[in-house]
Amino acid sequence: MTVTFLFVVSALSFSGFVSAAGKHYRGPWGPVWFDKESYARGETMSISWQFYWGTAQKGWFEVDLKNPSGAIVLRSQMYWYGSYPDGYRDSMTYTIKLGDPTGAWTAELTHNWAGKKQVQTTVLTVTTATVY
């Protein structure tokens, strides 16, 4: 009896009958990048990003530019609702001030959506560039 049950469940799983309810869902994803690997003070950074999702989704996408101490110096926010299988691409620029710190600067792309009790934030991608 147990062997028969396992065989039936296994056969249904391979046929797609059982696995359809547990389909793997891939949430939003995408890269973020700088136009160069390093910058001198006074230069302008260009930060670009692209994000995708194939099914109807909604939520905030944020791109934060952080200096080496972790302070956010520039933020771009977008709210999207719908299906964008071809993705969405955008960019922003920041001119490095003479008093800005040197070191590794970070660009972070996140997706925020309302959960049952609080906002859920998912970091989609992080990249760095050096300011010298």
C-alpha atoms as a PDB file:
ATOM      1  CA  MET A   1       0.000   0.000   0.000  1.00  0.00           C
ATOM      2  CA  THR A   2       2.759   2.469   0.977  1.00  0.00           C
ATOM      3  CA  VAL A   3       4.799   1.580  -2.096  1.00  0.00           C
ATOM      4  CA  THR A   4       1.742   2.067  -4.342  1.00  0.00           C
ATOM      5  CA  PHE A   5       1.007   5.467  -2.752  1.00  0.00           C
ATOM      6  CA  LEU A   6       4.594   6.636  -3.233  1.00  0.00           C
ATOM      7  CA  PHE A   7       4.557   5.448  -6.839  1.00  0.00           C
ATOM      8  CA  VAL A   8       1.334   7.375  -7.596  1.00  0.00           C
ATOM      9  CA  VAL A   9       2.610  10.565  -5.935  1.00  0.00           C
ATOM     10  CA  SER A  10       5.908  10.238  -7.785  1.00  0.00           C
ATOM     11  CA  ALA A  11       4.169   9.693 -11.121  1.00  0.00           C
ATOM     12  CA  LEU A  12       1.876  12.660 -10.569  1.00  0.00           C
ATOM     13  CA  SER A  13       4.823  14.868  -9.612  1.00  0.00           C
ATOM     14  CA  PHE A  14       6.641  14.086 -12.837  1.00  0.00           C
ATOM     15  CA  SER A  15       3.452  14.631 -14.848  1.00  0.00           C
ATOM     16  CA  GLY A  16       3.107  18.163 -13.437  1.00  0.00           C
ATOM     17  CA  PHE A  17      -0.170  17.439 -11.644  1.00  0.00           C
ATOM     18  CA  VAL A  18       1.184  17.810  -8.092  1.00  0.00           C
ATOM     19  CA  SER A  19       4.073  20.130  -8.868  1.00  0.00           C
ATOM     20  CA  ALA A  20       1.810  22.744 -10.508  1.00  0.00           C
ATOM     21  CA  ALA A  21       0.634  23.909  -7.091  1.00  0.00           C
ATOM     22  CA  GLY A  22       4.222  24.204  -5.875  1.00  0.00           C
ATOM     23  CA  LYS A  23       5.672  25.875  -8.970  1.00  0.00           C
ATOM     24  CA  HIS A  24       8.965  27.593  -8.356  1.00  0.00           C
ATOM     25  CA  TYR A  25       8.371  31.336  -8.293  1.00  0.00           C
ATOM     26  CA  ARG A  26      11.176  33.667  -9.190  1.00  0.00           C
ATOM     27  CA  GLY A  27      10.621  37.052  -7.658  1.00  0.00           C
ATOM     28  CA  PRO A  28      11.979  40.329  -8.943  1.00  0.00           C
ATOM     29  CA  TRP A  29      15.660  40.345  -9.864  1.00  0.00           C
ATOM     30  CA  GLY A  30      18.140  42.556 -11.630  1.00  0.00           C
ATOM     31  CA  PRO A  31      21.630  44.019 -11.739  1.00  0.00           C
ATOM     32  CA  VAL A  32      22.975  47.424 -10.691  1.00  0.00           C
ATOM     33  CA  TRP A  33      26.309  48.782 -11.948  1.00  0.00           C
ATOM     34  CA  PHE A  34      28.618  51.801 -12.063  1.00  0.00           C
ATOM     35  CA  ASP A  35      29.931  53.152 -15.379  1.00  0.00           C
ATOM     36  CA  LYS A  36      33.526  52.835 -14.059  1.00  0.00           C
ATOM     37  CA  GLU A  37      35.371  50.858 -11.387  1.00  0.00           C
ATOM     38  CA  SER A  38      36.984  53.908  -9.736  1.00  0.00           C
ATOM     39  CA  TYR A  39      36.544  57.679  -9.551  1.00  0.00           C
ATOM     40  CA  ALA A  40      38.452  60.724  -8.366  1.00  0.00           C
ATOM     41  CA  ARG A  41      36.797  63.422  -6.260  1.00  0.00           C
ATOM     42  CA  GLY A  42      35.051  65.911  -8.532  1.00  0.00           C
ATOM     43  CA  GLU A  43      34.077  63.246 -11.087  1.00  0.00           C
ATOM     44  CA  THR A  44      30.496  62.215 -11.768  1.00  0.00           C
ATOM     45  CA  MET A  45      29.393  58.643 -11.062  1.00  0.00           C
ATOM     46  CA  SER A  46      26.732  57.076 -13.234  1.00  0.00           C
ATOM     47  CA  ILE A  47      24.757  54.293 -11.581  1.00  0.00           C
ATOM     48  CA  SER A  48      22.476  52.176 -13.787  1.00  0.00           C
ATOM     49  CA  TRP A  49      20.085  49.371 -12.963  1.00  0.00           C
ATOM     50  CA  GLN A  50      17.636  47.032 -14.559  1.00  0.00           C
ATOM     51  CA  PHE A  51      15.017  44.868 -12.903  1.00  0.00           C
ATOM     52  CA  TYR A  52      12.692  42.164 -14.128  1.00  0.00           C
ATOM     53  CA  TRP A  53       9.734  40.121 -13.070  1.00  0.00           C
ATOM     54  CA  GLY A  54       7.554  37.966 -15.269  1.00  0.00           C
ATOM     55  CA  THR A  55       4.247  37.861 -13.395  1.00  0.00           C
ATOM     56  CA  ALA A  56       2.016  40.612 -12.072  1.00  0.00           C
ATOM     57  CA  GLN A  57       3.824  42.170  -9.136  1.00  0.00           C
ATOM     58  CA  LYS A  58       3.731  45.362  -7.199  1.00  0.00           C
ATOM     59  CA  GLY A  59       6.108  47.090  -4.883  1.00  0.00           C
ATOM     60  CA  TRP A  60       8.780  49.702  -4.419  1.00  0.00           C
ATOM     61  CA  PHE A  61      12.142  49.382  -6.048  1.00  0.00           C
ATOM     62  CA  GLU A  62      14.939  51.482  -4.564  1.00  0.00           C
ATOM     63  CA  VAL A  63      18.475  52.175  -5.634  1.00  0.00           C
ATOM     64  CA  ASP A  64      20.652  53.616  -2.866  1.00  0.00           C
ATOM     65  CA  LEU A  65      24.125  55.067  -3.340  1.00  0.00           C
ATOM     66  CA  LYS A  66      26.033  54.747  -0.064  1.00  0.00           C
ATOM     67  CA  ASN A  67      29.390  56.251   0.875  1.00  0.00           C
ATOM     68  CA  PRO A  68      32.039  54.161   2.698  1.00  0.00           C
ATOM     69  CA  SER A  69      30.502  54.932   6.110  1.00  0.00           C
ATOM     70  CA  GLY A  70      27.134  53.528   4.942  1.00  0.00           C
ATOM     71  CA  ALA A  71      25.318  56.882   4.701  1.00  0.00           C
ATOM     72  CA  ILE A  72      22.852  57.138   1.812  1.00  0.00           C
ATOM     73  CA  VAL A  73      23.899  60.070  -0.377  1.00  0.00           C
ATOM     74  CA  LEU A  74      21.474  59.467  -3.256  1.00  0.00           C
ATOM     75  CA  ARG A  75      18.255  57.449  -3.585  1.00  0.00           C
ATOM     76  CA  SER A  76      15.972  56.660  -6.471  1.00  0.00           C
ATOM     77  CA  GLN A  77      12.551  55.102  -5.787  1.00  0.00           C
ATOM     78  CA  MET A  78      10.109  53.597  -8.248  1.00  0.00           C
ATOM     79  CA  TYR A  79       6.704  52.026  -7.618  1.00  0.00           C
ATOM     80  CA  TRP A  80       5.656  49.420 -10.168  1.00  0.00           C
ATOM     81  CA  TYR A  81       2.524  47.396 -10.615  1.00  0.00           C
ATOM     82  CA  GLY A  82       2.064  44.902 -13.408  1.00  0.00           C
ATOM     83  CA  SER A  83       4.071  42.524 -15.512  1.00  0.00           C
ATOM     84  CA  TYR A  84       7.358  43.621 -17.086  1.00  0.00           C
ATOM     85  CA  PRO A  85       8.950  40.557 -18.726  1.00  0.00           C
ATOM     86  CA  ASP A  86      11.323  42.793 -20.707  1.00  0.00           C
ATOM     87  CA  GLY A  87      12.458  44.592 -17.566  1.00  0.00           C
ATOM     88  CA  TYR A  88      12.807  48.227 -16.635  1.00  0.00           C
ATOM     89  CA  ARG A  89      16.062  50.167 -16.936  1.00  0.00           C
ATOM     90  CA  ASP A  90      17.064  53.532 -15.494  1.00  0.00           C
ATOM     91  CA  SER A  91      20.072  55.444 -14.168  1.00  0.00           C
ATOM     92  CA  MET A  92      21.106  58.319 -11.918  1.00  0.00           C
ATOM     93  CA  THR A  93      24.249  60.411 -11.461  1.00  0.00           C
ATOM     94  CA  TYR A  94      26.142  61.781  -8.489  1.00  0.00           C
ATOM     95  CA  THR A  95      29.014  64.267  -8.615  1.00  0.00           C
ATOM     96  CA  ILE A  96      31.573  63.399  -5.944  1.00  0.00           C
ATOM     97  CA  LYS A  97      32.265  66.394  -3.745  1.00  0.00           C
ATOM     98  CA  LEU A  98      35.790  67.321  -2.682  1.00  0.00           C
ATOM     99  CA  GLY A  99      34.856  66.624   0.955  1.00  0.00           C
ATOM    100  CA  ASP A 100      33.311  63.188   0.265  1.00  0.00           C
ATOM    101  CA  PRO A 101      35.150  60.213   1.799  1.00  0.00           C
ATOM    102  CA  THR A 102      37.402  57.953  -0.207  1.00  0.00           C
ATOM    103  CA  GLY A 103      37.015  54.173  -0.258  1.00  0.00           C
ATOM    104  CA  ALA A 104      34.382  51.699  -1.448  1.00  0.00           C
ATOM    105  CA  TRP A 105      31.060  53.269  -2.441  1.00  0.00           C
ATOM    106  CA  THR A 106      28.066  50.948  -2.767  1.00  0.00           C
ATOM    107  CA  ALA A 107      25.024  50.893  -5.045  1.00  0.00           C
ATOM    108  CA  GLU A 108      22.210  48.677  -3.767  1.00  0.00           C
ATOM    109  CA  LEU A 109      19.004  47.667  -5.596  1.00  0.00           C
ATOM    110  CA  THR A 110      16.157  46.529  -3.311  1.00  0.00           C
ATOM    111  CA  HIS A 111      12.519  45.492  -3.675  1.00  0.00           C
ATOM    112  CA  ASN A 112      10.041  46.381  -0.918  1.00  0.00           C
ATOM    113  CA  TRP A 113       6.506  45.023  -0.629  1.00  0.00           C
ATOM    114  CA  ALA A 114       3.846  44.948   2.057  1.00  0.00           C
ATOM    115  CA  GLY A 115       3.840  41.692   3.999  1.00  0.00           C
ATOM    116  CA  LYS A 116       1.134  40.588   6.426  1.00  0.00           C
ATOM    117  CA  LYS A 117       2.516  42.598   9.356  1.00  0.00           C
ATOM    118  CA  GLN A 118       5.360  44.710   8.005  1.00  0.00           C
ATOM    119  CA  VAL A 119       7.224  45.773   4.905  1.00  0.00           C
ATOM    120  CA  GLN A 120       9.439  43.038   3.486  1.00  0.00           C
ATOM    121  CA  THR A 121      12.695  44.181   1.889  1.00  0.00           C
ATOM    122  CA  THR A 122      14.743  42.023  -0.443  1.00  0.00           C
ATOM    123  CA  VAL A 123      18.205  43.105  -1.577  1.00  0.00           C
ATOM    124  CA  LEU A 124      18.368  42.214  -5.253  1.00  0.00           C
ATOM    125  CA  THR A 125      21.949  43.201  -5.969  1.00  0.00           C
ATOM    126  CA  VAL A 126      24.872  45.197  -4.573  1.00  0.00           C
ATOM    127  CA  THR A 127      27.954  46.507  -6.386  1.00  0.00           C
ATOM    128  CA  THR A 128      30.863  48.745  -5.429  1.00  0.00           C
ATOM    129  CA  ALA A 129      33.177  51.340  -6.937  1.00  0.00           C
ATOM    130  CA  THR A 130      36.235  52.994  -5.415  1.00  0.00           C
ATOM    131  CA  VAL A 131      36.631  56.715  -4.822  1.00  0.00           C
ATOM    132  CA  TYR A 132      40.250  57.836  -4.402  1.00  0.00           C
END
